[in-house]
Each structure stands twice: as structure tokens, then as C-alpha cells.
Amino acid sequence: MKVAGILTLLFLFFSSCGIEDGRPNGIFIRVHNNSDVNFENVSVRSGNAEQAFGDILSRTESDYREFDHAFRYGAVWLNAEGVALSLVPIDYVGETPLRDGYYTYRIGLSSANLEDAALTFELEEDE
């Protein structure tokens, strides 16, 4: 009886962590600041949800946030040294949603001159 109770507790613990059979149960995305400038008020929308990632220091990454649906790219809004920057895709037509897993959106700048810079975007699948 004790073994059944322990197994039940272990099952409940692991199912509450978003992991089943060693694989994630959901789409988890973090943002990596791939620039030499600190990002402030980072917000990302991919699929049907928008998540706030807050401030992300240069060359560091945020914590993961869970998305119900997400794609290999998304809309991004942020401030870099007081300059508002955004990258907004027109649509997701023809795109396949991401599978359950952990991903990193690597956001960078196309130029060191913030007045001329655009955001760059890369998807990285994490292990």
C-alpha cells in the first residue's frame, strides 16, 4: 500500500511539472537577448497568446513562458536604450505550429546604431 501511495505522489508531482514520459507537455519559450544592448519591457506574441518577458540584459536570457500555440517566429516589442523597436509578422499562413518542447527566440539587432537598427529573430530548439 505504501508503494502505491508513493507512486501516486510521484505521478502527481511529475504531471504538475509539465513533463510526461521525459518530454515536455506544452510549448515553453524563452527570449535570449543576442545583442550588446539591454532590452526593456520585452513582449512576445506567437500564436494566440502574448507573454511579457520583462527586462533582459545584454547576452542573457529570460525564464521560460508557456504558450498554448506558437510558431517558429512571433511578434516582438521592446525598448533598447529608450528606442522602441518591434518586429511584427503579417500572418502565419502556411506555418506549422511548434510541437511541445522548449524553444529560445534569439532576438538581436541588425545594426549597432539604434536609430537604424531592426530586430533580428532566430528560433532555437532547446534540449
Protein backbone atom coordinates (compact mmCIF):
# COMPACT_ATOMS: atom_id res chain seq x y z
CA MET A 1 0.00 0.00 0.00
CA LYS A 2 2.87 2.37 0.79
CA VAL A 3 4.37 1.75 -2.65
CA ALA A 4 1.08 2.68 -4.35
CA GLY A 5 0.90 5.89 -2.31
CA ILE A 6 4.47 6.85 -3.19
CA LEU A 7 3.89 6.10 -6.87
CA THR A 8 0.73 8.21 -6.84
CA LEU A 9 2.61 11.13 -5.27
CA LEU A 10 5.41 10.81 -7.84
CA PHE A 11 2.88 10.76 -10.67
CA LEU A 12 1.16 13.87 -9.34
CA PHE A 13 4.48 15.66 -8.89
CA PHE A 14 5.74 14.95 -12.41
CA SER A 15 2.42 15.69 -14.08
CA SER A 16 2.30 19.08 -12.36
CA CYS A 17 5.74 19.95 -13.76
CA GLY A 18 4.54 19.92 -17.38
CA ILE A 19 6.56 16.80 -18.23
CA GLU A 20 5.23 13.40 -19.24
CA ASP A 21 7.43 10.44 -20.15
CA GLY A 22 10.50 12.69 -20.08
CA ARG A 23 9.02 15.02 -22.71
CA PRO A 24 7.50 18.45 -22.05
CA ASN A 25 3.75 18.74 -22.06
CA GLY A 26 3.37 22.16 -23.65
CA ILE A 27 5.28 24.78 -25.58
CA PHE A 28 7.81 26.70 -23.49
CA ILE A 29 9.62 29.70 -24.94
CA ARG A 30 12.31 31.96 -23.55
CA VAL A 31 13.92 35.03 -25.10
CA HIS A 32 17.68 35.42 -25.48
CA ASN A 33 18.99 38.95 -25.92
CA ASN A 34 21.52 38.40 -28.69
CA SER A 35 22.79 41.99 -28.64
CA ASP A 36 25.18 44.23 -26.73
CA VAL A 37 22.30 46.45 -25.54
CA ASN A 38 19.93 45.80 -22.62
CA PHE A 39 16.30 45.19 -23.62
CA GLU A 40 13.43 46.57 -21.55
CA ASN A 41 9.73 45.63 -21.49
CA VAL A 42 10.13 42.69 -23.84
CA SER A 43 6.80 41.28 -25.01
CA VAL A 44 6.22 38.42 -27.46
CA ARG A 45 3.08 37.21 -29.22
CA SER A 46 3.15 33.92 -31.05
CA GLY A 47 0.02 32.04 -31.95
CA ASN A 48 -2.90 33.20 -29.83
CA ALA A 49 -1.13 34.50 -26.74
CA GLU A 50 1.09 37.36 -25.69
CA GLN A 51 3.63 36.98 -22.91
CA ALA A 52 5.61 39.67 -21.09
CA PHE A 53 9.25 38.77 -20.53
CA GLY A 54 10.26 41.99 -18.78
CA ASP A 55 13.80 43.31 -18.95
CA ILE A 56 16.55 41.13 -20.44
CA LEU A 57 20.15 42.17 -20.02
CA SER A 58 22.60 42.02 -22.92
CA ARG A 59 23.66 38.47 -23.86
CA THR A 60 21.36 36.86 -21.28
CA GLU A 61 18.03 35.07 -21.46
CA SER A 62 14.67 35.17 -19.75
CA ASP A 63 12.86 32.40 -17.95
CA TYR A 64 10.59 30.15 -19.99
CA ARG A 65 6.95 31.13 -20.50
CA GLU A 66 4.28 28.68 -21.61
CA PHE A 67 2.31 29.21 -24.83
CA ASP A 68 -0.78 27.25 -25.88
CA HIS A 69 0.15 27.61 -29.56
CA ALA A 70 3.29 29.11 -31.05
CA PHE A 71 5.18 29.29 -34.32
CA ARG A 72 8.83 29.50 -35.37
CA TYR A 73 8.54 33.28 -35.22
CA GLY A 74 6.40 35.80 -33.43
CA ALA A 75 5.70 39.46 -32.89
CA VAL A 76 8.19 41.20 -30.60
CA TRP A 77 8.02 44.59 -28.90
CA LEU A 78 10.79 46.04 -26.74
CA ASN A 79 12.77 49.13 -25.82
CA ALA A 80 16.54 49.30 -26.33
CA GLU A 81 18.20 52.27 -24.63
CA GLY A 82 14.96 54.25 -24.92
CA VAL A 83 14.33 53.35 -28.56
CA ALA A 84 11.08 51.45 -29.21
CA LEU A 85 11.59 48.53 -31.60
CA SER A 86 9.17 45.95 -32.93
CA LEU A 87 9.04 43.06 -35.34
CA VAL A 88 5.50 42.10 -36.35
CA PRO A 89 4.81 39.33 -38.88
CA ILE A 90 1.88 39.84 -41.21
CA ASP A 91 0.38 36.38 -40.69
CA TYR A 92 1.15 32.72 -40.02
CA VAL A 93 -0.41 31.32 -43.23
CA GLY A 94 1.27 28.06 -44.17
CA GLU A 95 3.17 27.83 -40.90
CA THR A 96 3.10 24.68 -38.81
CA PRO A 97 2.68 25.20 -35.05
CA LEU A 98 5.60 24.20 -32.87
CA ARG A 99 5.46 20.80 -31.20
CA ASP A 100 5.57 20.51 -27.43
CA GLY A 101 9.07 21.36 -26.26
CA TYR A 102 11.46 24.05 -25.11
CA TYR A 103 12.49 26.82 -27.50
CA THR A 104 14.54 30.00 -27.48
CA TYR A 105 13.72 33.07 -29.53
CA ARG A 106 17.10 34.74 -30.13
CA ILE A 107 16.40 38.46 -30.60
CA GLY A 108 19.17 40.73 -31.79
CA LEU A 109 19.83 43.99 -33.61
CA SER A 110 20.74 44.41 -37.28
CA SER A 111 22.94 47.44 -36.54
CA ALA A 112 24.92 48.91 -33.66
CA ASN A 113 23.27 52.27 -34.45
CA LEU A 114 19.90 52.00 -32.70
CA GLU A 115 18.31 54.68 -34.88
CA ASP A 116 18.88 52.48 -37.95
CA ALA A 117 18.54 49.08 -36.27
CA ALA A 118 15.87 46.49 -36.88
CA LEU A 119 15.22 43.44 -34.76
CA THR A 120 16.62 40.08 -35.88
CA PHE A 121 14.91 36.85 -34.93
CA GLU A 122 16.09 33.23 -34.80
CA LEU A 123 14.42 30.12 -33.38
CA GLU A 124 16.48 27.62 -31.45
CA GLU A 125 15.06 24.29 -30.25
CA ASP A 126 16.39 23.53 -26.77
CA GLU A 127 17.12 20.07 -25.46
